[in-house]
């Protein structure tokens, strides 16, 4: 596989994982989501970067963000620091809390 093909493949895999995470309340039980939520917190605290982002953007710093790169590609001019704050702390917490509400309060199980 050529280098460019590999990067396109990694971008596709990365996007699928992100979309899967955001749709997880509808696909997985809250117990499974809890495991991945805790894993994400541990990864953020100890690694301080996403391994897939590092594989995809080797030459970039650990502060680089796939979502920031994607937003820039589709025309949004946003600050990386703002995007990283939201995708590292706010969005995972919102997805997790929504999963708990959706499944435990509304009893809408996948």
N, C-alpha and C. Protein backbone atom coordinates (compact mmCIF):
# COMPACT_ATOMS: atom_id res chain seq x y z
N UNK A 1 0.85 -1.17 0.00
CA UNK A 1 0.00 0.00 0.00
C UNK A 1 0.90 1.24 0.00
N UNK A 2 0.63 2.15 -0.90
CA UNK A 2 1.40 3.39 -0.98
C UNK A 2 1.10 4.27 0.23
N UNK A 3 2.00 5.19 0.51
CA UNK A 3 1.87 6.06 1.67
C UNK A 3 0.57 6.87 1.64
N UNK A 4 0.23 7.43 0.47
CA UNK A 4 -0.99 8.22 0.36
C UNK A 4 -2.24 7.34 0.59
N UNK A 5 -2.23 6.14 0.04
CA UNK A 5 -3.36 5.22 0.24
C UNK A 5 -3.50 4.85 1.71
N UNK A 6 -2.38 4.67 2.37
CA UNK A 6 -2.39 4.33 3.78
C UNK A 6 -3.00 5.47 4.60
N UNK A 7 -2.64 6.71 4.29
CA UNK A 7 -3.18 7.86 5.00
C UNK A 7 -4.68 8.02 4.76
N UNK A 8 -5.12 7.78 3.53
CA UNK A 8 -6.56 7.85 3.22
C UNK A 8 -7.30 6.76 3.99
N UNK A 9 -6.72 5.55 4.01
CA UNK A 9 -7.33 4.45 4.75
C UNK A 9 -7.43 4.78 6.24
N UNK A 10 -6.35 5.31 6.83
CA UNK A 10 -6.36 5.69 8.24
C UNK A 10 -7.39 6.78 8.52
N UNK A 11 -7.53 7.73 7.61
CA UNK A 11 -8.53 8.79 7.78
C UNK A 11 -9.93 8.19 7.77
N UNK A 12 -10.18 7.24 6.88
CA UNK A 12 -11.49 6.58 6.81
C UNK A 12 -11.77 5.80 8.09
N UNK A 13 -10.79 5.02 8.55
CA UNK A 13 -10.95 4.25 9.78
C UNK A 13 -11.20 5.19 10.96
N UNK A 14 -10.44 6.26 11.01
CA UNK A 14 -10.58 7.24 12.08
C UNK A 14 -11.99 7.83 12.08
N UNK A 15 -12.46 8.22 10.92
CA UNK A 15 -13.80 8.79 10.81
C UNK A 15 -14.86 7.79 11.24
N UNK A 16 -14.72 6.54 10.86
CA UNK A 16 -15.69 5.51 11.24
C UNK A 16 -15.70 5.30 12.75
N UNK A 17 -14.54 5.32 13.38
CA UNK A 17 -14.46 5.17 14.83
C UNK A 17 -15.12 6.35 15.53
N UNK A 18 -14.87 7.54 15.05
CA UNK A 18 -15.48 8.74 15.63
C UNK A 18 -17.01 8.68 15.49
N UNK A 19 -17.49 8.33 14.31
CA UNK A 19 -18.94 8.23 14.10
C UNK A 19 -19.56 7.13 14.95
N UNK A 20 -18.85 6.02 15.09
CA UNK A 20 -19.32 4.93 15.94
C UNK A 20 -19.42 5.39 17.40
N UNK A 21 -18.42 6.14 17.85
CA UNK A 21 -18.44 6.64 19.23
C UNK A 21 -19.62 7.59 19.45
N UNK A 22 -19.85 8.48 18.50
CA UNK A 22 -20.94 9.44 18.65
C UNK A 22 -22.32 8.79 18.56
N UNK A 23 -22.42 7.68 17.88
CA UNK A 23 -23.71 6.99 17.77
C UNK A 23 -23.83 5.84 18.76
N UNK A 24 -22.85 5.67 19.63
CA UNK A 24 -22.83 4.54 20.55
C UNK A 24 -24.05 4.40 21.47
N UNK A 25 -24.71 5.48 21.91
CA UNK A 25 -25.89 5.28 22.76
C UNK A 25 -27.00 4.48 22.08
N UNK A 26 -27.03 4.49 20.77
CA UNK A 26 -28.06 3.78 20.02
C UNK A 26 -27.61 2.37 19.63
N UNK A 27 -26.33 2.08 19.80
CA UNK A 27 -25.77 0.82 19.32
C UNK A 27 -25.30 -0.13 20.43
N UNK A 28 -24.88 0.42 21.56
CA UNK A 28 -24.28 -0.38 22.62
C UNK A 28 -24.93 -0.09 23.96
N UNK A 29 -24.94 -1.09 24.82
CA UNK A 29 -25.46 -0.91 26.17
C UNK A 29 -24.57 0.07 26.94
N UNK A 30 -25.16 0.75 27.91
CA UNK A 30 -24.44 1.78 28.65
C UNK A 30 -23.22 1.21 29.39
N UNK A 31 -23.26 -0.08 29.78
CA UNK A 31 -22.12 -0.67 30.47
C UNK A 31 -20.88 -0.70 29.56
N UNK A 32 -21.08 -1.02 28.29
CA UNK A 32 -19.98 -1.04 27.32
C UNK A 32 -19.47 0.38 27.08
N UNK A 33 -20.39 1.31 26.97
CA UNK A 33 -20.01 2.71 26.76
C UNK A 33 -19.20 3.22 27.96
N UNK A 34 -19.56 2.79 29.16
CA UNK A 34 -18.82 3.18 30.36
C UNK A 34 -17.36 2.74 30.27
N UNK A 35 -17.13 1.51 29.82
CA UNK A 35 -15.76 0.99 29.69
C UNK A 35 -14.96 1.87 28.73
N UNK A 36 -15.54 2.19 27.58
CA UNK A 36 -14.82 3.01 26.60
C UNK A 36 -14.67 4.46 27.06
N UNK A 37 -15.64 4.96 27.80
CA UNK A 37 -15.55 6.31 28.36
C UNK A 37 -14.37 6.39 29.34
N UNK A 38 -14.26 5.41 30.22
CA UNK A 38 -13.16 5.36 31.18
C UNK A 38 -11.82 5.19 30.44
N UNK A 39 -11.80 4.33 29.43
CA UNK A 39 -10.58 4.16 28.63
C UNK A 39 -10.16 5.50 28.01
N UNK A 40 -11.12 6.25 27.49
CA UNK A 40 -10.81 7.56 26.90
C UNK A 40 -10.21 8.53 27.90
N UNK A 41 -10.74 8.52 29.12
CA UNK A 41 -10.20 9.39 30.17
C UNK A 41 -8.77 8.97 30.51
N UNK A 42 -8.56 7.68 30.67
CA UNK A 42 -7.21 7.17 30.99
C UNK A 42 -6.24 7.50 29.86
N UNK A 43 -6.67 7.31 28.62
CA UNK A 43 -5.82 7.62 27.47
C UNK A 43 -5.45 9.10 27.46
N UNK A 44 -6.42 9.95 27.73
CA UNK A 44 -6.18 11.39 27.74
C UNK A 44 -5.21 11.80 28.84
N UNK A 45 -5.39 11.23 30.02
CA UNK A 45 -4.55 11.61 31.16
C UNK A 45 -3.12 11.10 30.99
N UNK A 46 -2.98 9.84 30.58
CA UNK A 46 -1.64 9.25 30.55
C UNK A 46 -0.91 9.40 29.22
N UNK A 47 -1.59 9.17 28.11
CA UNK A 47 -0.93 9.31 26.81
C UNK A 47 -0.89 10.76 26.34
N UNK A 48 -1.97 11.48 26.61
CA UNK A 48 -2.13 12.88 26.18
C UNK A 48 -2.25 13.04 24.67
N UNK A 49 -2.53 11.93 23.97
CA UNK A 49 -2.76 11.99 22.53
C UNK A 49 -3.55 10.76 22.11
N UNK A 50 -4.09 10.82 20.90
CA UNK A 50 -4.81 9.69 20.32
C UNK A 50 -3.83 8.88 19.47
N UNK A 51 -3.66 7.59 19.76
CA UNK A 51 -2.73 6.78 18.97
C UNK A 51 -3.06 6.76 17.47
N UNK A 52 -4.33 6.77 17.13
CA UNK A 52 -4.70 6.77 15.72
C UNK A 52 -4.34 8.09 15.04
N UNK A 53 -4.51 9.20 15.74
CA UNK A 53 -4.10 10.49 15.20
C UNK A 53 -2.59 10.52 14.99
N UNK A 54 -1.87 9.99 15.95
CA UNK A 54 -0.40 9.96 15.82
C UNK A 54 0.02 9.10 14.64
N UNK A 55 -0.65 7.97 14.41
CA UNK A 55 -0.34 7.11 13.27
C UNK A 55 -0.66 7.81 11.95
N UNK A 56 -1.78 8.52 11.93
CA UNK A 56 -2.21 9.18 10.70
C UNK A 56 -1.38 10.42 10.38
N UNK A 57 -1.05 11.20 11.39
CA UNK A 57 -0.33 12.47 11.20
C UNK A 57 1.01 12.39 11.92
N UNK A 58 1.87 11.53 11.48
CA UNK A 58 3.15 11.28 12.16
C UNK A 58 3.95 12.54 12.46
N UNK A 59 3.97 13.45 11.53
CA UNK A 59 4.84 14.62 11.69
C UNK A 59 4.23 15.70 12.57
N UNK A 60 3.00 15.54 12.97
CA UNK A 60 2.34 16.56 13.78
C UNK A 60 2.63 16.36 15.26
N UNK A 61 2.45 17.42 16.03
CA UNK A 61 2.66 17.32 17.47
C UNK A 61 1.53 16.55 18.13
N UNK A 62 1.73 16.21 19.40
CA UNK A 62 0.69 15.47 20.11
C UNK A 62 -0.56 16.33 20.33
N UNK A 63 -0.44 17.63 20.11
CA UNK A 63 -1.58 18.52 20.26
C UNK A 63 -2.48 18.54 19.02
N UNK A 64 -2.07 17.85 17.97
CA UNK A 64 -2.84 17.82 16.73
C UNK A 64 -4.13 17.05 16.96
N UNK A 65 -5.17 17.37 16.19
CA UNK A 65 -6.48 16.75 16.35
C UNK A 65 -7.07 16.35 15.00
N UNK A 66 -7.54 15.12 14.92
CA UNK A 66 -8.18 14.64 13.70
C UNK A 66 -9.44 15.45 13.39
N UNK A 67 -10.25 15.69 14.42
CA UNK A 67 -11.49 16.44 14.20
C UNK A 67 -11.20 17.86 13.75
N UNK A 68 -10.17 18.49 14.32
CA UNK A 68 -9.79 19.83 13.88
C UNK A 68 -9.38 19.78 12.41
N UNK A 69 -8.56 18.82 12.03
CA UNK A 69 -8.13 18.65 10.64
C UNK A 69 -9.34 18.46 9.72
N UNK A 70 -10.27 17.61 10.15
CA UNK A 70 -11.47 17.34 9.35
C UNK A 70 -12.34 18.60 9.21
N UNK A 71 -12.56 19.31 10.29
CA UNK A 71 -13.34 20.56 10.23
C UNK A 71 -12.69 21.57 9.30
N UNK A 72 -11.37 21.68 9.35
CA UNK A 72 -10.65 22.59 8.44
C UNK A 72 -10.82 22.16 6.99
N UNK A 73 -10.78 20.84 6.75
CA UNK A 73 -10.93 20.32 5.38
C UNK A 73 -12.28 20.66 4.77
N UNK A 74 -13.33 20.68 5.62
CA UNK A 74 -14.67 20.97 5.09
C UNK A 74 -15.04 22.44 5.20
N UNK A 75 -14.06 23.28 5.60
CA UNK A 75 -14.27 24.72 5.50
C UNK A 75 -14.50 25.49 6.78
N UNK A 76 -14.47 24.85 7.93
CA UNK A 76 -14.65 25.56 9.19
C UNK A 76 -13.30 26.08 9.69
N UNK A 77 -13.26 27.34 10.05
CA UNK A 77 -12.03 27.94 10.56
C UNK A 77 -12.16 28.05 12.08
N UNK A 78 -11.71 27.00 12.76
CA UNK A 78 -11.82 26.94 14.22
C UNK A 78 -10.44 26.76 14.84
N UNK A 79 -10.33 27.19 16.08
CA UNK A 79 -9.06 27.05 16.80
C UNK A 79 -8.89 25.61 17.27
N UNK A 80 -7.68 25.08 17.11
CA UNK A 80 -7.42 23.71 17.51
C UNK A 80 -7.64 23.52 19.02
N UNK A 81 -7.24 24.50 19.81
CA UNK A 81 -7.40 24.40 21.26
C UNK A 81 -8.88 24.25 21.64
N UNK A 82 -9.73 25.00 20.98
CA UNK A 82 -11.17 24.92 21.25
C UNK A 82 -11.72 23.56 20.85
N UNK A 83 -11.35 23.09 19.67
CA UNK A 83 -11.83 21.79 19.20
C UNK A 83 -11.34 20.68 20.13
N UNK A 84 -10.07 20.71 20.48
CA UNK A 84 -9.53 19.67 21.37
C UNK A 84 -10.25 19.66 22.71
N UNK A 85 -10.53 20.82 23.28
CA UNK A 85 -11.25 20.88 24.55
C UNK A 85 -12.61 20.19 24.43
N UNK A 86 -13.32 20.51 23.37
CA UNK A 86 -14.64 19.93 23.18
C UNK A 86 -14.59 18.44 22.88
N UNK A 87 -13.67 18.00 22.04
CA UNK A 87 -13.67 16.57 21.68
C UNK A 87 -13.01 15.69 22.75
N UNK A 88 -12.17 16.28 23.59
CA UNK A 88 -11.53 15.47 24.63
C UNK A 88 -12.40 15.39 25.88
N UNK A 89 -13.04 16.49 26.26
CA UNK A 89 -13.78 16.50 27.52
C UNK A 89 -15.29 16.62 27.35
N UNK A 90 -15.76 17.54 26.56
CA UNK A 90 -17.20 17.83 26.51
C UNK A 90 -18.01 16.78 25.73
N UNK A 91 -17.59 16.49 24.51
CA UNK A 91 -18.38 15.55 23.70
C UNK A 91 -18.43 14.15 24.29
N UNK A 92 -17.32 13.57 24.75
CA UNK A 92 -17.43 12.24 25.36
C UNK A 92 -18.35 12.24 26.58
N UNK A 93 -18.26 13.27 27.41
CA UNK A 93 -19.15 13.35 28.58
C UNK A 93 -20.61 13.49 28.15
N UNK A 94 -20.85 14.30 27.13
CA UNK A 94 -22.22 14.48 26.64
C UNK A 94 -22.77 13.18 26.06
N UNK A 95 -21.96 12.47 25.29
CA UNK A 95 -22.41 11.19 24.72
C UNK A 95 -22.68 10.19 25.83
N UNK A 96 -21.80 10.14 26.81
CA UNK A 96 -21.98 9.21 27.92
C UNK A 96 -23.24 9.54 28.72
N UNK A 97 -23.42 10.80 29.07
CA UNK A 97 -24.62 11.19 29.83
C UNK A 97 -25.88 10.96 29.01
N UNK A 98 -25.83 11.23 27.72
CA UNK A 98 -26.98 10.96 26.87
C UNK A 98 -27.29 9.46 26.84
N UNK A 99 -26.25 8.63 26.77
CA UNK A 99 -26.46 7.17 26.77
C UNK A 99 -27.15 6.73 28.05
N UNK A 100 -26.70 7.26 29.18
CA UNK A 100 -27.34 6.92 30.46
C UNK A 100 -28.80 7.36 30.47
N UNK A 101 -29.06 8.57 30.05
CA UNK A 101 -30.43 9.08 30.01
C UNK A 101 -31.29 8.26 29.05
N UNK A 102 -30.79 8.04 27.85
CA UNK A 102 -31.52 7.33 26.80
C UNK A 102 -31.88 5.91 27.25
N UNK A 103 -30.90 5.24 27.85
CA UNK A 103 -31.09 3.84 28.17
C UNK A 103 -31.69 3.59 29.56
N UNK A 104 -31.29 4.37 30.55
CA UNK A 104 -31.77 4.12 31.91
C UNK A 104 -33.05 4.88 32.25
N UNK A 105 -33.15 6.10 31.81
CA UNK A 105 -34.34 6.90 32.12
C UNK A 105 -35.46 6.62 31.12
N UNK A 106 -35.14 6.67 29.84
CA UNK A 106 -36.15 6.47 28.80
C UNK A 106 -36.34 4.99 28.44
N UNK A 107 -35.48 4.13 28.99
CA UNK A 107 -35.54 2.69 28.74
C UNK A 107 -35.51 2.34 27.25
N UNK A 108 -34.67 3.05 26.51
CA UNK A 108 -34.50 2.80 25.07
C UNK A 108 -33.20 2.03 24.88
N UNK A 109 -33.28 0.74 25.00
CA UNK A 109 -32.08 -0.10 24.92
C UNK A 109 -31.78 -0.51 23.49
N UNK A 110 -30.48 -0.60 23.17
CA UNK A 110 -30.10 -1.02 21.81
C UNK A 110 -30.39 -2.50 21.59
